[in-house]
Amino acid sequence: MTILTHSSDDATPDLESRAGPNDHDDLRLWLRLLTCCNLIEGDIRSRLRTDFETTLPRFDLMAQLLRVPEGMKMSELSRHMMVTNGNITGITDQLEKEGLVERIKVASDRRSSIIRLTPKGKRSFKRMADAHEQWIRGLFGSLSEHSRQALFEALGELKLLAQTRLQSNEK
């Protein structure tokens, strides 16, 4: 099994290396979690760029649209992806030029459009999604089933705590 660590010989130090032995465990845990996320995301971004000449935001937008075959408004896409409408517009413009998505005007609101995948977009996304699934399996496949399950449960607990804290802060 490969353990993510940092040594002084590494050319690019990771975020976890910022923690010192006297830092509290919560900070060290946060930096380890962030480092793992950054390493995995960096790998996925690189593979999408190399294998499909695309970006993670484009992949994410297409994934959102695949889940809603009838399409989504820009505002819905931006809410689901947690980015601004401006970011969605730029990505959508590129995908539309390539014939991967289409804009359909909303009859009741001339300012709005529904964005949906074209058949070409669905085929293209399927190829990327199949590869993405294999990459993720490859990244997590070395973990034992017990470790995967324990990590999944611990992160679920952390997610619930973070959501609860966020909701109480909003009140």
N, C-alpha and C. Protein backbone atom coordinates (compact mmCIF):
# COMPACT_ATOMS: atom_id res chain seq x y z
N MET A 1 0.84 -1.17 0.00
CA MET A 1 0.00 0.00 0.00
C MET A 1 0.89 1.24 0.00
N THR A 2 0.49 2.26 -0.77
CA THR A 2 1.22 3.51 -0.85
C THR A 2 0.69 4.47 0.21
N ILE A 3 1.58 5.04 0.98
CA ILE A 3 1.22 6.02 1.99
C ILE A 3 1.65 7.39 1.49
N LEU A 4 0.76 8.37 1.57
CA LEU A 4 1.10 9.72 1.14
C LEU A 4 1.92 10.38 2.23
N THR A 5 3.17 10.65 1.94
CA THR A 5 4.05 11.30 2.91
C THR A 5 4.86 12.37 2.21
N HIS A 6 5.54 13.15 2.96
CA HIS A 6 6.40 14.19 2.41
C HIS A 6 7.80 14.00 2.99
N SER A 7 8.76 14.05 2.12
CA SER A 7 10.15 14.04 2.60
C SER A 7 10.81 15.32 2.14
N SER A 8 11.91 15.67 2.75
CA SER A 8 12.60 16.90 2.40
C SER A 8 13.18 16.84 0.99
N ASP A 9 13.24 15.65 0.39
CA ASP A 9 13.77 15.51 -0.96
C ASP A 9 12.75 15.85 -2.03
N ASP A 10 11.47 15.91 -1.67
CA ASP A 10 10.42 16.19 -2.65
C ASP A 10 10.60 17.60 -3.21
N ALA A 11 10.38 17.76 -4.54
CA ALA A 11 10.51 19.05 -5.17
C ALA A 11 9.37 19.98 -4.76
N THR A 12 8.19 19.44 -4.58
CA THR A 12 7.02 20.25 -4.23
C THR A 12 6.47 19.80 -2.90
N PRO A 13 6.67 20.59 -1.85
CA PRO A 13 6.12 20.19 -0.55
C PRO A 13 4.60 20.25 -0.58
N ASP A 14 3.97 19.34 0.13
CA ASP A 14 2.52 19.34 0.20
C ASP A 14 2.07 20.12 1.42
N LEU A 15 0.77 20.35 1.52
CA LEU A 15 0.23 21.15 2.61
C LEU A 15 0.48 20.52 3.98
N GLU A 16 0.49 19.20 4.02
CA GLU A 16 0.70 18.52 5.30
C GLU A 16 2.08 18.82 5.87
N SER A 17 3.03 19.09 4.99
CA SER A 17 4.39 19.36 5.47
C SER A 17 4.48 20.67 6.24
N ARG A 18 3.45 21.50 6.17
CA ARG A 18 3.43 22.75 6.92
C ARG A 18 3.23 22.52 8.42
N ALA A 19 2.67 21.39 8.75
CA ALA A 19 2.42 21.08 10.17
C ALA A 19 3.69 20.61 10.84
N GLY A 20 3.87 21.07 12.04
CA GLY A 20 5.02 20.65 12.82
C GLY A 20 4.60 19.64 13.88
N PRO A 21 5.56 18.98 14.50
CA PRO A 21 5.24 17.97 15.50
C PRO A 21 4.49 18.53 16.71
N ASN A 22 4.60 19.84 16.93
CA ASN A 22 3.91 20.45 18.08
C ASN A 22 2.52 20.98 17.74
N ASP A 23 2.14 20.92 16.47
CA ASP A 23 0.80 21.36 16.09
C ASP A 23 -0.23 20.36 16.57
N HIS A 24 -1.43 20.86 16.87
CA HIS A 24 -2.46 19.97 17.40
C HIS A 24 -2.94 18.99 16.32
N ASP A 25 -3.43 17.88 16.76
CA ASP A 25 -3.83 16.79 15.86
C ASP A 25 -4.91 17.22 14.87
N ASP A 26 -5.82 18.11 15.30
CA ASP A 26 -6.88 18.55 14.40
C ASP A 26 -6.31 19.29 13.20
N LEU A 27 -5.32 20.13 13.42
CA LEU A 27 -4.68 20.84 12.32
C LEU A 27 -3.96 19.86 11.40
N ARG A 28 -3.26 18.93 11.99
CA ARG A 28 -2.53 17.93 11.20
C ARG A 28 -3.51 17.08 10.37
N LEU A 29 -4.64 16.73 10.97
CA LEU A 29 -5.66 15.96 10.26
C LEU A 29 -6.23 16.77 9.10
N TRP A 30 -6.55 18.05 9.34
CA TRP A 30 -7.07 18.92 8.29
C TRP A 30 -6.08 19.02 7.13
N LEU A 31 -4.81 19.23 7.43
CA LEU A 31 -3.81 19.36 6.38
C LEU A 31 -3.61 18.05 5.62
N ARG A 32 -3.71 16.93 6.31
CA ARG A 32 -3.61 15.64 5.62
C ARG A 32 -4.79 15.44 4.68
N LEU A 33 -5.99 15.75 5.16
CA LEU A 33 -7.19 15.62 4.34
C LEU A 33 -7.09 16.53 3.11
N LEU A 34 -6.69 17.77 3.31
CA LEU A 34 -6.55 18.72 2.21
C LEU A 34 -5.47 18.26 1.22
N THR A 35 -4.38 17.75 1.73
CA THR A 35 -3.31 17.25 0.87
C THR A 35 -3.80 16.09 0.01
N CYS A 36 -4.51 15.16 0.62
CA CYS A 36 -5.05 14.02 -0.14
C CYS A 36 -5.99 14.51 -1.23
N CYS A 37 -6.89 15.44 -0.88
CA CYS A 37 -7.83 15.98 -1.87
C CYS A 37 -7.08 16.65 -3.01
N ASN A 38 -6.08 17.45 -2.69
CA ASN A 38 -5.31 18.15 -3.72
C ASN A 38 -4.54 17.18 -4.61
N LEU A 39 -3.95 16.15 -4.02
CA LEU A 39 -3.21 15.16 -4.82
C LEU A 39 -4.14 14.41 -5.77
N ILE A 40 -5.28 13.98 -5.27
CA ILE A 40 -6.23 13.23 -6.10
C ILE A 40 -6.80 14.14 -7.18
N GLU A 41 -7.21 15.34 -6.80
CA GLU A 41 -7.76 16.27 -7.79
C GLU A 41 -6.72 16.61 -8.86
N GLY A 42 -5.48 16.82 -8.45
CA GLY A 42 -4.41 17.10 -9.41
C GLY A 42 -4.21 15.96 -10.39
N ASP A 43 -4.28 14.75 -9.90
CA ASP A 43 -4.14 13.57 -10.77
C ASP A 43 -5.29 13.51 -11.77
N ILE A 44 -6.51 13.72 -11.29
CA ILE A 44 -7.69 13.68 -12.16
C ILE A 44 -7.60 14.79 -13.21
N ARG A 45 -7.24 16.00 -12.78
CA ARG A 45 -7.11 17.12 -13.73
C ARG A 45 -6.09 16.79 -14.82
N SER A 46 -4.96 16.25 -14.41
CA SER A 46 -3.91 15.91 -15.36
C SER A 46 -4.37 14.84 -16.35
N ARG A 47 -5.03 13.82 -15.86
CA ARG A 47 -5.51 12.75 -16.74
C ARG A 47 -6.58 13.25 -17.71
N LEU A 48 -7.49 14.10 -17.24
CA LEU A 48 -8.51 14.65 -18.13
C LEU A 48 -7.87 15.48 -19.24
N ARG A 49 -6.86 16.28 -18.85
CA ARG A 49 -6.17 17.11 -19.82
C ARG A 49 -5.41 16.26 -20.84
N THR A 50 -4.68 15.27 -20.34
CA THR A 50 -3.85 14.43 -21.21
C THR A 50 -4.68 13.48 -22.07
N ASP A 51 -5.63 12.80 -21.47
CA ASP A 51 -6.37 11.76 -22.18
C ASP A 51 -7.54 12.29 -23.00
N PHE A 52 -8.12 13.42 -22.58
CA PHE A 52 -9.34 13.91 -23.24
C PHE A 52 -9.28 15.38 -23.66
N GLU A 53 -8.14 16.03 -23.42
CA GLU A 53 -7.99 17.44 -23.75
C GLU A 53 -9.15 18.26 -23.19
N THR A 54 -9.47 18.01 -21.94
CA THR A 54 -10.55 18.75 -21.28
C THR A 54 -10.12 19.12 -19.87
N THR A 55 -11.02 19.82 -19.19
CA THR A 55 -10.73 20.29 -17.84
C THR A 55 -11.72 19.68 -16.86
N LEU A 56 -11.38 19.73 -15.59
CA LEU A 56 -12.28 19.23 -14.55
C LEU A 56 -13.59 20.02 -14.49
N PRO A 57 -13.57 21.36 -14.62
CA PRO A 57 -14.85 22.07 -14.63
C PRO A 57 -15.76 21.65 -15.80
N ARG A 58 -15.19 21.42 -16.96
CA ARG A 58 -16.00 20.95 -18.10
C ARG A 58 -16.58 19.57 -17.79
N PHE A 59 -15.76 18.69 -17.25
CA PHE A 59 -16.21 17.35 -16.88
C PHE A 59 -17.34 17.45 -15.86
N ASP A 60 -17.16 18.30 -14.84
CA ASP A 60 -18.18 18.46 -13.79
C ASP A 60 -19.49 18.99 -14.36
N LEU A 61 -19.41 19.98 -15.26
CA LEU A 61 -20.62 20.53 -15.85
C LEU A 61 -21.36 19.46 -16.65
N MET A 62 -20.63 18.69 -17.42
CA MET A 62 -21.26 17.62 -18.21
C MET A 62 -21.86 16.56 -17.30
N ALA A 63 -21.21 16.28 -16.18
CA ALA A 63 -21.73 15.30 -15.22
C ALA A 63 -23.06 15.78 -14.65
N GLN A 64 -23.14 17.06 -14.32
CA GLN A 64 -24.39 17.62 -13.81
C GLN A 64 -25.50 17.48 -14.84
N LEU A 65 -25.19 17.78 -16.09
CA LEU A 65 -26.20 17.71 -17.15
C LEU A 65 -26.63 16.28 -17.44
N LEU A 66 -25.73 15.33 -17.31
CA LEU A 66 -26.10 13.93 -17.54
C LEU A 66 -27.15 13.48 -16.54
N ARG A 67 -27.08 13.99 -15.33
CA ARG A 67 -28.03 13.60 -14.27
C ARG A 67 -29.43 14.17 -14.49
N VAL A 68 -29.52 15.20 -15.34
CA VAL A 68 -30.81 15.85 -15.60
C VAL A 68 -30.98 15.92 -17.13
N PRO A 69 -31.45 14.83 -17.74
CA PRO A 69 -31.52 14.75 -19.20
C PRO A 69 -32.33 15.87 -19.86
N GLU A 70 -33.34 16.40 -19.15
CA GLU A 70 -34.14 17.48 -19.73
C GLU A 70 -33.39 18.81 -19.74
N GLY A 71 -32.26 18.88 -19.04
CA GLY A 71 -31.43 20.07 -19.01
C GLY A 71 -31.64 20.90 -17.76
N MET A 72 -30.82 21.93 -17.63
CA MET A 72 -30.85 22.80 -16.46
C MET A 72 -30.62 24.24 -16.91
N LYS A 73 -31.17 25.18 -16.13
CA LYS A 73 -30.87 26.59 -16.34
C LYS A 73 -29.46 26.86 -15.82
N MET A 74 -28.87 27.93 -16.31
CA MET A 74 -27.53 28.33 -15.87
C MET A 74 -27.49 28.51 -14.36
N SER A 75 -28.52 29.13 -13.80
CA SER A 75 -28.54 29.38 -12.36
C SER A 75 -28.55 28.07 -11.58
N GLU A 76 -29.25 27.05 -12.10
CA GLU A 76 -29.26 25.74 -11.44
C GLU A 76 -27.88 25.11 -11.52
N LEU A 77 -27.26 25.20 -12.69
CA LEU A 77 -25.92 24.64 -12.85
C LEU A 77 -24.93 25.30 -11.89
N SER A 78 -24.98 26.62 -11.82
CA SER A 78 -24.03 27.31 -10.94
C SER A 78 -24.27 26.95 -9.48
N ARG A 79 -25.53 26.78 -9.09
CA ARG A 79 -25.84 26.39 -7.70
C ARG A 79 -25.33 24.98 -7.42
N HIS A 80 -25.57 24.05 -8.34
CA HIS A 80 -25.12 22.67 -8.13
C HIS A 80 -23.59 22.56 -8.12
N MET A 81 -22.93 23.38 -8.95
CA MET A 81 -21.48 23.31 -9.03
C MET A 81 -20.79 24.26 -8.06
N MET A 82 -21.59 25.11 -7.38
CA MET A 82 -21.08 26.07 -6.41
C MET A 82 -20.05 27.02 -7.01
N VAL A 83 -20.38 27.53 -8.22
CA VAL A 83 -19.56 28.54 -8.89
C VAL A 83 -20.50 29.62 -9.42
N THR A 84 -19.92 30.71 -9.91
CA THR A 84 -20.74 31.82 -10.40
C THR A 84 -21.34 31.50 -11.78
N ASN A 85 -22.40 32.23 -12.11
CA ASN A 85 -22.99 32.11 -13.45
C ASN A 85 -21.98 32.43 -14.54
N GLY A 86 -21.08 33.38 -14.26
CA GLY A 86 -20.05 33.73 -15.24
C GLY A 86 -19.16 32.56 -15.58
N ASN A 87 -18.78 31.78 -14.56
CA ASN A 87 -17.96 30.58 -14.82
C ASN A 87 -18.72 29.59 -15.68
N ILE A 88 -19.99 29.39 -15.39
CA ILE A 88 -20.81 28.44 -16.14
C ILE A 88 -20.97 28.91 -17.58
N THR A 89 -21.16 30.20 -17.78
CA THR A 89 -21.35 30.74 -19.13
C THR A 89 -20.14 30.46 -20.00
N GLY A 90 -18.95 30.72 -19.48
CA GLY A 90 -17.73 30.48 -20.26
C GLY A 90 -17.56 29.02 -20.65
N ILE A 91 -17.78 28.14 -19.71
CA ILE A 91 -17.64 26.71 -19.98
C ILE A 91 -18.71 26.26 -20.97
N THR A 92 -19.93 26.74 -20.77
CA THR A 92 -21.03 26.36 -21.66
C THR A 92 -20.76 26.85 -23.08
N ASP A 93 -20.25 28.06 -23.22
CA ASP A 93 -19.92 28.59 -24.56
C ASP A 93 -18.94 27.67 -25.28
N GLN A 94 -17.90 27.22 -24.57
CA GLN A 94 -16.90 26.33 -25.17
C GLN A 94 -17.53 25.00 -25.58
N LEU A 95 -18.31 24.42 -24.67
CA LEU A 95 -18.93 23.12 -24.95
C LEU A 95 -19.93 23.22 -26.09
N GLU A 96 -20.63 24.34 -26.17
CA GLU A 96 -21.59 24.53 -27.25
C GLU A 96 -20.87 24.62 -28.60
N LYS A 97 -19.76 25.34 -28.66
CA LYS A 97 -18.98 25.46 -29.90
C LYS A 97 -18.51 24.09 -30.39
N GLU A 98 -18.24 23.19 -29.45
CA GLU A 98 -17.78 21.85 -29.79
C GLU A 98 -18.93 20.88 -30.06
N GLY A 99 -20.15 21.35 -29.92
CA GLY A 99 -21.31 20.51 -30.18
C GLY A 99 -21.62 19.52 -29.07
N LEU A 100 -21.13 19.79 -27.87
CA LEU A 100 -21.33 18.86 -26.75
C LEU A 100 -22.55 19.22 -25.90
N VAL A 101 -22.94 20.50 -25.91
CA VAL A 101 -24.17 20.93 -25.23
C VAL A 101 -24.95 21.82 -26.18
N GLU A 102 -26.23 21.99 -25.86
CA GLU A 102 -27.07 22.91 -26.62
C GLU A 102 -27.86 23.77 -25.67
N ARG A 103 -28.18 24.98 -26.16
CA ARG A 103 -29.01 25.91 -25.41
C ARG A 103 -30.40 25.91 -26.02
N ILE A 104 -31.40 25.81 -25.17
CA ILE A 104 -32.78 25.84 -25.63
C ILE A 104 -33.46 26.99 -24.91
N LYS A 105 -33.97 27.94 -25.66
CA LYS A 105 -34.63 29.11 -25.06
C LYS A 105 -35.89 28.68 -24.32
N VAL A 106 -36.13 29.30 -23.17
CA VAL A 106 -37.32 29.05 -22.38
C VAL A 106 -38.42 29.98 -22.89
N ALA A 107 -39.53 29.41 -23.35
CA ALA A 107 -40.61 30.20 -23.95
C ALA A 107 -41.17 31.24 -22.98
N SER A 108 -41.27 30.89 -21.72
CA SER A 108 -41.87 31.79 -20.73
C SER A 108 -40.90 32.86 -20.21
N ASP A 109 -39.61 32.72 -20.52
CA ASP A 109 -38.60 33.67 -20.03
C ASP A 109 -37.50 33.77 -21.08
N ARG A 110 -37.58 34.79 -21.91
CA ARG A 110 -36.65 34.93 -23.04
C ARG A 110 -35.20 35.11 -22.61
N ARG A 111 -35.00 35.51 -21.36
CA ARG A 111 -33.62 35.69 -20.88
C ARG A 111 -32.98 34.37 -20.46
N SER A 112 -33.79 33.33 -20.28
CA SER A 112 -33.28 32.05 -19.77
C SER A 112 -33.15 31.02 -20.89
N SER A 113 -32.19 30.15 -20.69
CA SER A 113 -32.00 29.01 -21.57
C SER A 113 -31.84 27.76 -20.72
N ILE A 114 -32.25 26.67 -21.30
CA ILE A 114 -31.98 25.36 -20.70
C ILE A 114 -30.75 24.82 -21.41
N ILE A 115 -29.82 24.33 -20.64
CA ILE A 115 -28.59 23.74 -21.19
C ILE A 115 -28.72 22.23 -21.04
N ARG A 116 -28.45 21.51 -22.12
CA ARG A 116 -28.47 20.05 -22.02
C ARG A 116 -27.41 19.46 -22.94
N LEU A 117 -27.03 18.24 -22.61
CA LEU A 117 -26.04 17.52 -23.41
C LEU A 117 -26.65 17.14 -24.75
N THR A 118 -25.85 17.24 -25.79
CA THR A 118 -26.26 16.72 -27.10
C THR A 118 -25.93 15.22 -27.13
N PRO A 119 -26.42 14.50 -28.12
CA PRO A 119 -26.01 13.09 -28.23
C PRO A 119 -24.48 12.94 -28.29
N LYS A 120 -23.83 13.83 -29.02
CA LYS A 120 -22.36 13.81 -29.09
C LYS A 120 -21.77 14.05 -27.70
N GLY A 121 -22.36 14.98 -26.94
CA GLY A 121 -21.90 15.27 -25.58
C GLY A 121 -22.07 14.08 -24.66
N LYS A 122 -23.19 13.37 -24.79
CA LYS A 122 -23.42 12.18 -23.97
C LYS A 122 -22.38 11.10 -24.27
N ARG A 123 -22.08 10.90 -25.55
CA ARG A 123 -21.07 9.89 -25.92
C ARG A 123 -19.69 10.28 -25.40
N SER A 124 -19.36 11.55 -25.58
CA SER A 124 -18.06 12.04 -25.12
C SER A 124 -17.94 11.91 -23.60
N PHE A 125 -19.00 12.31 -22.89
CA PHE A 125 -18.94 12.23 -21.44
C PHE A 125 -18.86 10.78 -20.98
N LYS A 126 -19.56 9.88 -21.63
CA LYS A 126 -19.52 8.46 -21.23
C LYS A 126 -18.09 7.93 -21.28
N ARG A 127 -17.36 8.27 -22.33
CA ARG A 127 -15.96 7.83 -22.44
C ARG A 127 -15.13 8.39 -21.28
N MET A 128 -15.32 9.67 -21.00
CA MET A 128 -14.57 10.29 -19.90
C MET A 128 -14.97 9.69 -18.55
N ALA A 129 -16.27 9.50 -18.35
CA ALA A 129 -16.76 8.98 -17.06
C ALA A 129 -16.26 7.56 -16.82
N ASP A 130 -16.23 6.74 -17.88
CA ASP A 130 -15.72 5.37 -17.73
C ASP A 130 -14.24 5.39 -17.31
N ALA A 131 -13.46 6.26 -17.96
CA ALA A 131 -12.04 6.38 -17.60
C ALA A 131 -11.90 6.92 -16.19
N HIS A 132 -12.69 7.93 -15.85
CA HIS A 132 -12.66 8.54 -14.52
C HIS A 132 -12.92 7.49 -13.45
N GLU A 133 -13.90 6.65 -13.69
CA GLU A 133 -14.21 5.59 -12.72
C GLU A 133 -13.02 4.66 -12.52
N GLN A 134 -12.34 4.32 -13.59
CA GLN A 134 -11.15 3.46 -13.48
C GLN A 134 -10.02 4.17 -12.73
N TRP A 135 -9.85 5.45 -12.97
CA TRP A 135 -8.81 6.20 -12.26
C TRP A 135 -9.09 6.21 -10.76
N ILE A 136 -10.34 6.45 -10.40
CA ILE A 136 -10.72 6.49 -8.98
C ILE A 136 -10.53 5.12 -8.35
N ARG A 137 -10.94 4.09 -9.06
CA ARG A 137 -10.74 2.73 -8.54
C ARG A 137 -9.25 2.45 -8.34
N GLY A 138 -8.44 2.91 -9.28
CA GLY A 138 -7.00 2.71 -9.16
C GLY A 138 -6.42 3.44 -7.96
N LEU A 139 -6.93 4.64 -7.70
CA LEU A 139 -6.42 5.41 -6.56
C LEU A 139 -6.80 4.79 -5.22
N PHE A 140 -8.03 4.30 -5.12
CA PHE A 140 -8.50 3.77 -3.85
C PHE A 140 -8.37 2.25 -3.74
N GLY A 141 -8.06 1.61 -4.84
CA GLY A 141 -8.02 0.15 -4.88
C GLY A 141 -7.00 -0.49 -3.97
N SER A 142 -5.94 0.24 -3.64
CA SER A 142 -4.91 -0.32 -2.77
C SER A 142 -5.30 -0.31 -1.30
N LEU A 143 -6.33 0.45 -0.97
CA LEU A 143 -6.80 0.45 0.43
C LEU A 143 -7.58 -0.84 0.69
N SER A 144 -7.43 -1.38 1.87
CA SER A 144 -8.22 -2.55 2.22
C SER A 144 -9.69 -2.15 2.31
N GLU A 145 -10.56 -3.13 2.17
CA GLU A 145 -12.00 -2.86 2.29
C GLU A 145 -12.30 -2.25 3.66
N HIS A 146 -11.67 -2.75 4.69
CA HIS A 146 -11.87 -2.21 6.04
C HIS A 146 -11.47 -0.73 6.11
N SER A 147 -10.31 -0.40 5.54
CA SER A 147 -9.85 0.99 5.56
C SER A 147 -10.77 1.90 4.77
N ARG A 148 -11.21 1.43 3.60
CA ARG A 148 -12.13 2.22 2.78
C ARG A 148 -13.42 2.50 3.54
N GLN A 149 -13.97 1.47 4.16
CA GLN A 149 -15.23 1.62 4.89
C GLN A 149 -15.06 2.54 6.09
N ALA A 150 -13.96 2.37 6.82
CA ALA A 150 -13.71 3.23 7.99
C ALA A 150 -13.53 4.69 7.57
N LEU A 151 -12.82 4.91 6.48
CA LEU A 151 -12.62 6.26 5.97
C LEU A 151 -13.94 6.86 5.52
N PHE A 152 -14.75 6.08 4.82
CA PHE A 152 -16.06 6.54 4.35
C PHE A 152 -16.94 6.94 5.53
N GLU A 153 -16.97 6.11 6.55
CA GLU A 153 -17.80 6.40 7.72
C GLU A 153 -17.28 7.63 8.49
N ALA A 154 -15.96 7.72 8.65
CA ALA A 154 -15.38 8.86 9.37
C ALA A 154 -15.64 10.16 8.62
N LEU A 155 -15.49 10.14 7.30
CA LEU A 155 -15.75 11.34 6.52
C LEU A 155 -17.24 11.69 6.52
N GLY A 156 -18.10 10.69 6.57
CA GLY A 156 -19.54 10.95 6.70
C GLY A 156 -19.86 11.64 8.00
N GLU A 157 -19.23 11.21 9.07
CA GLU A 157 -19.42 11.83 10.38
C GLU A 157 -18.91 13.28 10.36
N LEU A 158 -17.74 13.48 9.76
CA LEU A 158 -17.17 14.83 9.65
C LEU A 158 -18.08 15.73 8.81
N LYS A 159 -18.60 15.21 7.71
CA LYS A 159 -19.51 15.98 6.85
C LYS A 159 -20.74 16.42 7.63
N LEU A 160 -21.32 15.52 8.38
CA LEU A 160 -22.51 15.85 9.17
C LEU A 160 -22.20 16.92 10.22
N LEU A 161 -21.08 16.78 10.89
CA LEU A 161 -20.67 17.78 11.89
C LEU A 161 -20.44 19.15 11.24
N ALA A 162 -19.78 19.15 10.08
CA ALA A 162 -19.51 20.42 9.39
C ALA A 162 -20.81 21.06 8.92
N GLN A 163 -21.74 20.27 8.40
CA GLN A 163 -23.03 20.81 7.96
C GLN A 163 -23.81 21.38 9.14
N THR A 164 -23.79 20.67 10.25
CA THR A 164 -24.50 21.13 11.44
C THR A 164 -23.90 22.45 11.94
N ARG A 165 -22.59 22.53 11.96
CA ARG A 165 -21.92 23.75 12.41
C ARG A 165 -22.23 24.91 11.46
N LEU A 166 -22.22 24.66 10.17
CA LEU A 166 -22.52 25.68 9.18
C LEU A 166 -23.95 26.20 9.35
N GLN A 167 -24.88 25.28 9.54
CA GLN A 167 -26.28 25.67 9.72
C GLN A 167 -26.47 26.48 11.00
N SER A 168 -25.79 26.11 12.07
CA SER A 168 -25.94 26.87 13.33
C SER A 168 -25.29 28.23 13.22
N ASN A 169 -24.24 28.37 12.40
CA ASN A 169 -23.59 29.67 12.20
C ASN A 169 -24.44 30.60 11.34
N GLU A 170 -25.28 30.03 10.49
CA GLU A 170 -26.13 30.84 9.61
C GLU A 170 -27.31 31.44 10.36
N LYS A 171 -27.63 30.92 11.55
CA LYS A 171 -28.78 31.41 12.31
C LYS A 171 -28.47 32.66 13.07
